[in-house]
Full PDB file with SEQRES, HELIX, SHEET, SSBOND, CRYST1, ORIGX, SCALE, CONECT and MASTER records, all heavy atoms in Angstrom:
SEQRES   1 A   31  PRO LEU ALA ILE ARG GLU ALA ILE ARG LYS ASP PRO ASP          
SEQRES   2 A   31  ALA ALA PHE GLY ASN SER ARG TRP ASP ALA ASP MET LEU          
SEQRES   3 A   31  ALA ILE SER ARG HIS                                          
HELIX    1 AA1 LEU A    2  ILE A    8  1                                   7    
HELIX    2 AA2 ARG A   20  ASP A   22  5                                   3    
HELIX    3 AA3 ALA A   23  ALA A   27  1                                   5    
CRYST1    1.000    1.000    1.000  90.00  90.00  90.00 P 1           1          
ORIGX1      1.000000  0.000000  0.000000        0.00000                         
ORIGX2      0.000000  1.000000  0.000000        0.00000                         
ORIGX3      0.000000  0.000000  1.000000        0.00000                         
SCALE1      1.000000  0.000000  0.000000        0.00000                         
SCALE2      0.000000  1.000000  0.000000        0.00000                         
SCALE3      0.000000  0.000000  1.000000        0.00000                         
ATOM      1  N   PRO A   1     107.735  88.851  69.507  1.00  0.00           N  
ATOM      2  CA  PRO A   1     106.969  89.399  70.638  1.00  0.00           C  
ATOM      3  C   PRO A   1     107.047  88.494  71.864  1.00  0.00           C  
ATOM      4  O   PRO A   1     107.121  88.985  72.987  1.00  0.00           O  
ATOM      5  CB  PRO A   1     105.551  89.456  70.091  1.00  0.00           C  
ATOM      6  CG  PRO A   1     105.716  89.563  68.624  1.00  0.00           C  
ATOM      7  CD  PRO A   1     106.931  88.745  68.316  1.00  0.00           C  
ATOM      8  N   LEU A   2     107.093  87.194  71.685  1.00  0.00           N  
ATOM      9  CA  LEU A   2     107.202  86.247  72.785  1.00  0.00           C  
ATOM     10  C   LEU A   2     108.530  86.474  73.545  1.00  0.00           C  
ATOM     11  O   LEU A   2     108.519  86.546  74.765  1.00  0.00           O  
ATOM     12  CB  LEU A   2     107.088  84.791  72.317  1.00  0.00           C  
ATOM     13  CG  LEU A   2     105.762  84.381  71.741  1.00  0.00           C  
ATOM     14  CD1 LEU A   2     105.878  82.955  71.143  1.00  0.00           C  
ATOM     15  CD2 LEU A   2     104.664  84.443  72.791  1.00  0.00           C  
ATOM     16  N   ALA A   3     109.619  86.559  72.831  1.00  0.00           N  
ATOM     17  CA  ALA A   3     110.926  86.786  73.447  1.00  0.00           C  
ATOM     18  C   ALA A   3     110.989  88.137  74.141  1.00  0.00           C  
ATOM     19  O   ALA A   3     111.489  88.245  75.272  1.00  0.00           O  
ATOM     20  CB  ALA A   3     112.037  86.691  72.414  1.00  0.00           C  
ATOM     21  N   ILE A   4     110.436  89.162  73.533  1.00  0.00           N  
ATOM     22  CA  ILE A   4     110.433  90.502  74.130  1.00  0.00           C  
ATOM     23  C   ILE A   4     109.619  90.529  75.412  1.00  0.00           C  
ATOM     24  O   ILE A   4     110.072  90.997  76.435  1.00  0.00           O  
ATOM     25  CB  ILE A   4     109.880  91.546  73.113  1.00  0.00           C  
ATOM     26  CG1 ILE A   4     110.875  91.731  71.967  1.00  0.00           C  
ATOM     27  CG2 ILE A   4     109.559  92.859  73.813  1.00  0.00           C  
ATOM     28  CD1 ILE A   4     110.300  92.493  70.806  1.00  0.00           C  
ATOM     29  N   ARG A   5     108.421  89.990  75.353  1.00  0.00           N  
ATOM     30  CA  ARG A   5     107.568  90.000  76.561  1.00  0.00           C  
ATOM     31  C   ARG A   5     108.148  89.154  77.689  1.00  0.00           C  
ATOM     32  O   ARG A   5     107.962  89.495  78.852  1.00  0.00           O  
ATOM     33  CB  ARG A   5     106.156  89.546  76.178  1.00  0.00           C  
ATOM     34  CG  ARG A   5     105.440  90.622  75.355  1.00  0.00           C  
ATOM     35  CD  ARG A   5     104.128  90.115  74.830  1.00  0.00           C  
ATOM     36  NE  ARG A   5     103.359  91.236  74.196  1.00  0.00           N  
ATOM     37  CZ  ARG A   5     102.484  91.025  73.272  1.00  0.00           C  
ATOM     38  NH1 ARG A   5     102.154  89.836  72.822  1.00  0.00           N  
ATOM     39  NH2 ARG A   5     101.801  92.090  72.787  1.00  0.00           N  
ATOM     40  N   GLU A   6     108.796  88.047  77.336  1.00  0.00           N  
ATOM     41  CA  GLU A   6     109.404  87.202  78.330  1.00  0.00           C  
ATOM     42  C   GLU A   6     110.585  87.936  79.013  1.00  0.00           C  
ATOM     43  O   GLU A   6     110.744  87.910  80.253  1.00  0.00           O  
ATOM     44  CB  GLU A   6     109.907  85.914  77.727  1.00  0.00           C  
ATOM     45  CG  GLU A   6     110.505  84.933  78.719  1.00  0.00           C  
ATOM     46  CD  GLU A   6     110.953  83.675  78.039  1.00  0.00           C  
ATOM     47  OE1 GLU A   6     110.063  82.888  77.618  1.00  0.00           O  
ATOM     48  OE2 GLU A   6     112.171  83.439  77.939  1.00  0.00           O  
ATOM     49  N   ALA A   7     111.414  88.582  78.243  1.00  0.00           N  
ATOM     50  CA  ALA A   7     112.619  89.258  78.760  1.00  0.00           C  
ATOM     51  C   ALA A   7     112.340  90.614  79.376  1.00  0.00           C  
ATOM     52  O   ALA A   7     112.840  90.935  80.452  1.00  0.00           O  
ATOM     53  CB  ALA A   7     113.656  89.395  77.671  1.00  0.00           C  
ATOM     54  N   ILE A   8     111.536  91.397  78.714  1.00  0.00           N  
ATOM     55  CA  ILE A   8     111.353  92.799  79.099  1.00  0.00           C  
ATOM     56  C   ILE A   8     110.086  92.969  79.949  1.00  0.00           C  
ATOM     57  O   ILE A   8     109.967  93.953  80.692  1.00  0.00           O  
ATOM     58  CB  ILE A   8     111.292  93.724  77.879  1.00  0.00           C  
ATOM     59  CG1 ILE A   8     112.598  93.545  77.064  1.00  0.00           C  
ATOM     60  CG2 ILE A   8     111.166  95.170  78.242  1.00  0.00           C  
ATOM     61  CD1 ILE A   8     112.558  94.188  75.687  1.00  0.00           C  
ATOM     62  N   ARG A   9     109.158  92.061  79.816  1.00  0.00           N  
ATOM     63  CA  ARG A   9     107.931  92.037  80.606  1.00  0.00           C  
ATOM     64  C   ARG A   9     106.959  93.150  80.233  1.00  0.00           C  
ATOM     65  O   ARG A   9     106.069  93.516  81.031  1.00  0.00           O  
ATOM     66  CB  ARG A   9     108.224  92.111  82.085  1.00  0.00           C  
ATOM     67  CG  ARG A   9     109.115  91.033  82.619  1.00  0.00           C  
ATOM     68  CD  ARG A   9     108.319  89.880  83.106  1.00  0.00           C  
ATOM     69  NE  ARG A   9     109.187  88.890  83.704  1.00  0.00           N  
ATOM     70  CZ  ARG A   9     109.125  87.620  83.341  1.00  0.00           C  
ATOM     71  NH1 ARG A   9     108.238  87.198  82.465  1.00  0.00           N  
ATOM     72  NH2 ARG A   9     109.940  86.742  83.920  1.00  0.00           N  
ATOM     73  N   LYS A  10     107.132  93.727  79.034  1.00  0.00           N  
ATOM     74  CA  LYS A  10     106.175  94.729  78.547  1.00  0.00           C  
ATOM     75  C   LYS A  10     106.381  94.878  77.064  1.00  0.00           C  
ATOM     76  O   LYS A  10     107.366  94.421  76.501  1.00  0.00           O  
ATOM     77  CB  LYS A  10     106.357  96.080  79.265  1.00  0.00           C  
ATOM     78  CG  LYS A  10     107.711  96.748  78.986  1.00  0.00           C  
ATOM     79  CD  LYS A  10     107.804  98.103  79.640  1.00  0.00           C  
ATOM     80  CE  LYS A  10     109.108  98.780  79.208  1.00  0.00           C  
ATOM     81  NZ  LYS A  10     109.137 100.163  79.595  1.00  0.00           N  
ATOM     82  N   ASP A  11     105.440  95.552  76.432  1.00  0.00           N  
ATOM     83  CA  ASP A  11     105.591  95.861  75.013  1.00  0.00           C  
ATOM     84  C   ASP A  11     106.507  97.039  74.841  1.00  0.00           C  
ATOM     85  O   ASP A  11     106.525  97.945  75.693  1.00  0.00           O  
ATOM     86  CB  ASP A  11     104.217  96.148  74.356  1.00  0.00           C  
ATOM     87  CG  ASP A  11     103.343  94.909  74.261  1.00  0.00           C  
ATOM     88  OD1 ASP A  11     103.854  93.783  74.398  1.00  0.00           O  
ATOM     89  OD2 ASP A  11     102.119  95.065  74.036  1.00  0.00           O  
ATOM     90  N   PRO A  12     107.276  97.048  73.775  1.00  0.00           N  
ATOM     91  CA  PRO A  12     108.273  98.139  73.600  1.00  0.00           C  
ATOM     92  C   PRO A  12     107.569  99.468  73.202  1.00  0.00           C  
ATOM     93  O   PRO A  12     106.527  99.458  72.587  1.00  0.00           O  
ATOM     94  CB  PRO A  12     109.149  97.656  72.450  1.00  0.00           C  
ATOM     95  CG  PRO A  12     108.330  96.629  71.732  1.00  0.00           C  
ATOM     96  CD  PRO A  12     107.386  96.040  72.746  1.00  0.00           C  
ATOM     97  N   ASP A  13     108.194 100.552  73.620  1.00  0.00           N  
ATOM     98  CA  ASP A  13     107.715 101.861  73.217  1.00  0.00           C  
ATOM     99  C   ASP A  13     107.986 102.053  71.723  1.00  0.00           C  
ATOM    100  O   ASP A  13     107.147 102.643  71.031  1.00  0.00           O  
ATOM    101  CB  ASP A  13     108.431 102.959  73.997  1.00  0.00           C  
ATOM    102  CG  ASP A  13     107.990 103.005  75.459  1.00  0.00           C  
ATOM    103  OD1 ASP A  13     106.808 102.729  75.720  1.00  0.00           O  
ATOM    104  OD2 ASP A  13     108.858 103.258  76.302  1.00  0.00           O  
ATOM    105  N   ALA A  14     109.124 101.587  71.227  1.00  0.00           N  
ATOM    106  CA  ALA A  14     109.476 101.717  69.827  1.00  0.00           C  
ATOM    107  C   ALA A  14     110.180 100.422  69.392  1.00  0.00           C  
ATOM    108  O   ALA A  14     110.846  99.778  70.167  1.00  0.00           O  
ATOM    109  CB  ALA A  14     110.417 102.883  69.592  1.00  0.00           C  
ATOM    110  N   ALA A  15     109.974 100.097  68.119  1.00  0.00           N  
ATOM    111  CA  ALA A  15     110.635  98.934  67.535  1.00  0.00           C  
ATOM    112  C   ALA A  15     111.010  99.296  66.088  1.00  0.00           C  
ATOM    113  O   ALA A  15     110.324 100.084  65.409  1.00  0.00           O  
ATOM    114  CB  ALA A  15     109.733  97.690  67.553  1.00  0.00           C  
ATOM    115  N   PHE A  16     112.112  98.705  65.658  1.00  0.00           N  
ATOM    116  CA  PHE A  16     112.630  98.962  64.304  1.00  0.00           C  
ATOM    117  C   PHE A  16     112.916  97.653  63.626  1.00  0.00           C  
ATOM    118  O   PHE A  16     113.514  96.768  64.248  1.00  0.00           O  
ATOM    119  CB  PHE A  16     113.933  99.809  64.435  1.00  0.00           C  
ATOM    120  CG  PHE A  16     113.732 101.053  65.216  1.00  0.00           C  
ATOM    121  CD1 PHE A  16     113.940 101.037  66.605  1.00  0.00           C  
ATOM    122  CD2 PHE A  16     113.302 102.227  64.641  1.00  0.00           C  
ATOM    123  CE1 PHE A  16     113.740 102.184  67.367  1.00  0.00           C  
ATOM    124  CE2 PHE A  16     113.080 103.358  65.402  1.00  0.00           C  
ATOM    125  CZ  PHE A  16     113.287 103.348  66.772  1.00  0.00           C  
ATOM    126  N   GLY A  17     112.523  97.523  62.391  1.00  0.00           N  
ATOM    127  CA  GLY A  17     112.759  96.274  61.670  1.00  0.00           C  
ATOM    128  C   GLY A  17     112.906  96.528  60.184  1.00  0.00           C  
ATOM    129  O   GLY A  17     112.591  97.605  59.667  1.00  0.00           O  
ATOM    130  N   ASN A  18     113.394  95.477  59.476  1.00  0.00           N  
ATOM    131  CA  ASN A  18     113.596  95.660  58.032  1.00  0.00           C  
ATOM    132  C   ASN A  18     113.006  94.535  57.195  1.00  0.00           C  
ATOM    133  O   ASN A  18     113.143  94.582  55.983  1.00  0.00           O  
ATOM    134  CB  ASN A  18     115.106  95.805  57.753  1.00  0.00           C  
ATOM    135  CG  ASN A  18     115.877  94.496  57.953  1.00  0.00           C  
ATOM    136  OD1 ASN A  18     115.493  93.687  58.771  1.00  0.00           O  
ATOM    137  ND2 ASN A  18     116.946  94.361  57.194  1.00  0.00           N  
ATOM    138  N   SER A  19     112.349  93.547  57.813  1.00  0.00           N  
ATOM    139  CA  SER A  19     111.762  92.501  56.989  1.00  0.00           C  
ATOM    140  C   SER A  19     110.424  92.071  57.554  1.00  0.00           C  
ATOM    141  O   SER A  19     110.035  92.421  58.669  1.00  0.00           O  
ATOM    142  CB  SER A  19     112.710  91.262  56.926  1.00  0.00           C  
ATOM    143  OG  SER A  19     112.609  90.516  58.148  1.00  0.00           O  
ATOM    144  N   ARG A  20     109.715  91.264  56.763  1.00  0.00           N  
ATOM    145  CA  ARG A  20     108.401  90.816  57.216  1.00  0.00           C  
ATOM    146  C   ARG A  20     108.494  89.985  58.487  1.00  0.00           C  
ATOM    147  O   ARG A  20     107.507  89.866  59.219  1.00  0.00           O  
ATOM    148  CB  ARG A  20     107.705  90.052  56.121  1.00  0.00           C  
ATOM    149  CG  ARG A  20     108.310  88.710  55.788  1.00  0.00           C  
ATOM    150  CD  ARG A  20     107.574  88.087  54.605  1.00  0.00           C  
ATOM    151  NE  ARG A  20     108.195  86.839  54.225  1.00  0.00           N  
ATOM    152  CZ  ARG A  20     107.723  85.637  54.499  1.00  0.00           C  
ATOM    153  NH1 ARG A  20     106.605  85.533  55.197  1.00  0.00           N  
ATOM    154  NH2 ARG A  20     108.329  84.563  54.117  1.00  0.00           N  
ATOM    155  N   TRP A  21     109.642  89.433  58.766  1.00  0.00           N  
ATOM    156  CA  TRP A  21     109.842  88.640  59.997  1.00  0.00           C  
ATOM    157  C   TRP A  21     109.857  89.537  61.239  1.00  0.00           C  
ATOM    158  O   TRP A  21     109.829  89.057  62.365  1.00  0.00           O  
ATOM    159  CB  TRP A  21     111.113  87.804  59.906  1.00  0.00           C  
ATOM    160  CG  TRP A  21     111.014  86.877  58.729  1.00  0.00           C  
ATOM    161  CD1 TRP A  21     111.730  86.950  57.577  1.00  0.00           C  
ATOM    162  CD2 TRP A  21     110.127  85.752  58.573  1.00  0.00           C  
ATOM    163  NE1 TRP A  21     111.321  85.965  56.704  1.00  0.00           N  
ATOM    164  CE2 TRP A  21     110.354  85.227  57.297  1.00  0.00           C  
ATOM    165  CE3 TRP A  21     109.145  85.211  59.372  1.00  0.00           C  
ATOM    166  CZ2 TRP A  21     109.633  84.138  56.812  1.00  0.00           C  
ATOM    167  CZ3 TRP A  21     108.439  84.119  58.882  1.00  0.00           C  
ATOM    168  CH2 TRP A  21     108.710  83.576  57.627  1.00  0.00           C  
ATOM    169  N   ASP A  22     109.869  90.851  61.028  1.00  0.00           N  
ATOM    170  CA  ASP A  22     109.806  91.807  62.113  1.00  0.00           C  
ATOM    171  C   ASP A  22     108.376  92.355  62.318  1.00  0.00           C  
ATOM    172  O   ASP A  22     108.144  93.085  63.280  1.00  0.00           O  
ATOM    173  CB  ASP A  22     110.721  92.990  61.823  1.00  0.00           C  
ATOM    174  CG  ASP A  22     112.190  92.579  61.777  1.00  0.00           C  
ATOM    175  OD1 ASP A  22     112.604  91.711  62.581  1.00  0.00           O  
ATOM    176  OD2 ASP A  22     112.932  93.095  60.941  1.00  0.00           O  
ATOM    177  N   ALA A  23     107.468  92.007  61.455  1.00  0.00           N  
ATOM    178  CA  ALA A  23     106.104  92.579  61.477  1.00  0.00           C  
ATOM    179  C   ALA A  23     105.416  92.345  62.801  1.00  0.00           C  
ATOM    180  O   ALA A  23     104.744  93.289  63.336  1.00  0.00           O  
ATOM    181  CB  ALA A  23     105.301  92.057  60.326  1.00  0.00           C  
ATOM    182  N   ASP A  24     105.483  91.157  63.396  1.00  0.00           N  
ATOM    183  CA  ASP A  24     104.814  90.868  64.654  1.00  0.00           C  
ATOM    184  C   ASP A  24     105.409  91.711  65.766  1.00  0.00           C  
ATOM    185  O   ASP A  24     104.688  92.189  66.663  1.00  0.00           O  
ATOM    186  CB  ASP A  24     104.901  89.408  65.013  1.00  0.00           C  
ATOM    187  CG  ASP A  24     104.032  88.529  64.118  1.00  0.00           C  
ATOM    188  OD1 ASP A  24     102.926  88.945  63.779  1.00  0.00           O  
ATOM    189  OD2 ASP A  24     104.531  87.445  63.709  1.00  0.00           O  
ATOM    190  N   MET A  25     106.738  91.911  65.758  1.00  0.00           N  
ATOM    191  CA  MET A  25     107.386  92.744  66.759  1.00  0.00           C  
ATOM    192  C   MET A  25     106.934  94.209  66.580  1.00  0.00           C  
ATOM    193  O   MET A  25     106.622  94.892  67.552  1.00  0.00           O  
ATOM    194  CB  MET A  25     108.902  92.649  66.596  1.00  0.00           C  
ATOM    195  CG  MET A  25     109.694  93.578  67.487  1.00  0.00           C  
ATOM    196  SD  MET A  25     111.458  93.503  67.256  1.00  0.00           S  
ATOM    197  CE  MET A  25     111.626  94.079  65.581  1.00  0.00           C  
ATOM    198  N   LEU A  26     106.897  94.655  65.362  1.00  0.00           N  
ATOM    199  CA  LEU A  26     106.502  96.034  65.082  1.00  0.00           C  
ATOM    200  C   LEU A  26     105.041  96.266  65.526  1.00  0.00           C  
ATOM    201  O   LEU A  26     104.693  97.330  66.016  1.00  0.00           O  
ATOM    202  CB  LEU A  26     106.658  96.372  63.640  1.00  0.00           C  
ATOM    203  CG  LEU A  26     108.084  96.377  63.129  1.00  0.00           C  
ATOM    204  CD1 LEU A  26     108.127  96.524  61.603  1.00  0.00           C  
ATOM    205  CD2 LEU A  26     108.931  97.477  63.770  1.00  0.00           C  
ATOM    206  N   ALA A  27     104.220  95.249  65.350  1.00  0.00           N  
ATOM    207  CA  ALA A  27     102.777  95.347  65.671  1.00  0.00           C  
ATOM    208  C   ALA A  27     102.508  95.558  67.166  1.00  0.00           C  
ATOM    209  O   ALA A  27     101.513  96.145  67.518  1.00  0.00           O  
ATOM    210  CB  ALA A  27     102.029  94.120  65.173  1.00  0.00           C  
ATOM    211  N   ILE A  28     103.427  95.109  68.036  1.00  0.00           N  
ATOM    212  CA  ILE A  28     103.185  95.275  69.471  1.00  0.00           C  
ATOM    213  C   ILE A  28     103.812  96.570  70.020  1.00  0.00           C  
ATOM    214  O   ILE A  28     103.650  96.911  71.183  1.00  0.00           O  
ATOM    215  CB  ILE A  28     103.683  94.071  70.301  1.00  0.00           C  
ATOM    216  CG1 ILE A  28     105.237  93.976  70.236  1.00  0.00           C  
ATOM    217  CG2 ILE A  28     103.011  92.813  69.858  1.00  0.00           C  
ATOM    218  CD1 ILE A  28     105.793  93.020  71.260  1.00  0.00           C  
ATOM    219  N   SER A  29     104.491  97.287  69.160  1.00  0.00           N  
ATOM    220  CA  SER A  29     105.193  98.511  69.561  1.00  0.00           C  
ATOM    221  C   SER A  29     104.280  99.738  69.439  1.00  0.00           C  
ATOM    222  O   SER A  29     103.474  99.862  68.509  1.00  0.00           O  
ATOM    223  CB  SER A  29     106.418  98.719  68.686  1.00  0.00           C  
ATOM    224  OG  SER A  29     106.962  99.976  68.899  1.00  0.00           O  
ATOM    225  N   ARG A  30     104.444 100.663  70.384  1.00  0.00           N  
ATOM    226  CA  ARG A  30     103.705 101.930  70.286  1.00  0.00           C  
ATOM    227  C   ARG A  30     104.156 102.753  69.090  1.00  0.00           C  
ATOM    228  O   ARG A  30     103.369 103.505  68.494  1.00  0.00           O  
ATOM    229  CB  ARG A  30     103.870 102.733  71.558  1.00  0.00           C  
ATOM    230  CG  ARG A  30     103.063 102.166  72.696  1.00  0.00           C  
ATOM    231  CD  ARG A  30     103.120 102.963  74.015  1.00  0.00           C  
ATOM    232  NE  ARG A  30     103.368 104.385  73.814  1.00  0.00           N  
ATOM    233  CZ  ARG A  30     104.012 105.146  74.693  1.00  0.00           C  
ATOM    234  NH1 ARG A  30     104.492 104.624  75.787  1.00  0.00           N  
ATOM    235  NH2 ARG A  30     104.171 106.419  74.477  1.00  0.00           N  
ATOM    236  N   HIS A  31     105.438 102.653  68.741  1.00  0.00           N  
ATOM    237  CA  HIS A  31     105.987 103.435  67.651  1.00  0.00           C  
ATOM    238  C   HIS A  31     106.805 102.503  66.739  1.00  0.00           C  
ATOM    239  O   HIS A  31     108.039 102.428  66.868  1.00  0.00           O  
ATOM    240  CB  HIS A  31     106.908 104.556  68.169  1.00  0.00           C  
ATOM    241  CG  HIS A  31     106.175 105.518  69.074  1.00  0.00           C  
ATOM    242  ND1 HIS A  31     105.298 106.464  68.646  1.00  0.00           N  
ATOM    243  CD2 HIS A  31     106.185 105.627  70.439  1.00  0.00           C  
ATOM    244  CE1 HIS A  31     104.814 107.114  69.685  1.00  0.00           C  
ATOM    245  NE2 HIS A  31     105.355 106.604  70.748  1.00  0.00           N  
TER     246      HIS A  31                                                      
MASTER        0    0    0    3    0    0    0    6  245    1    0    3          
END                                                                             
């Protein structure tokens, strides 16, 4: 989430992941 917010400057509309290391990223996504 830190890298995403720094680069994109907003939370993503959708995020896709396959491991627990993606959970924080998925948690900030609308979908």
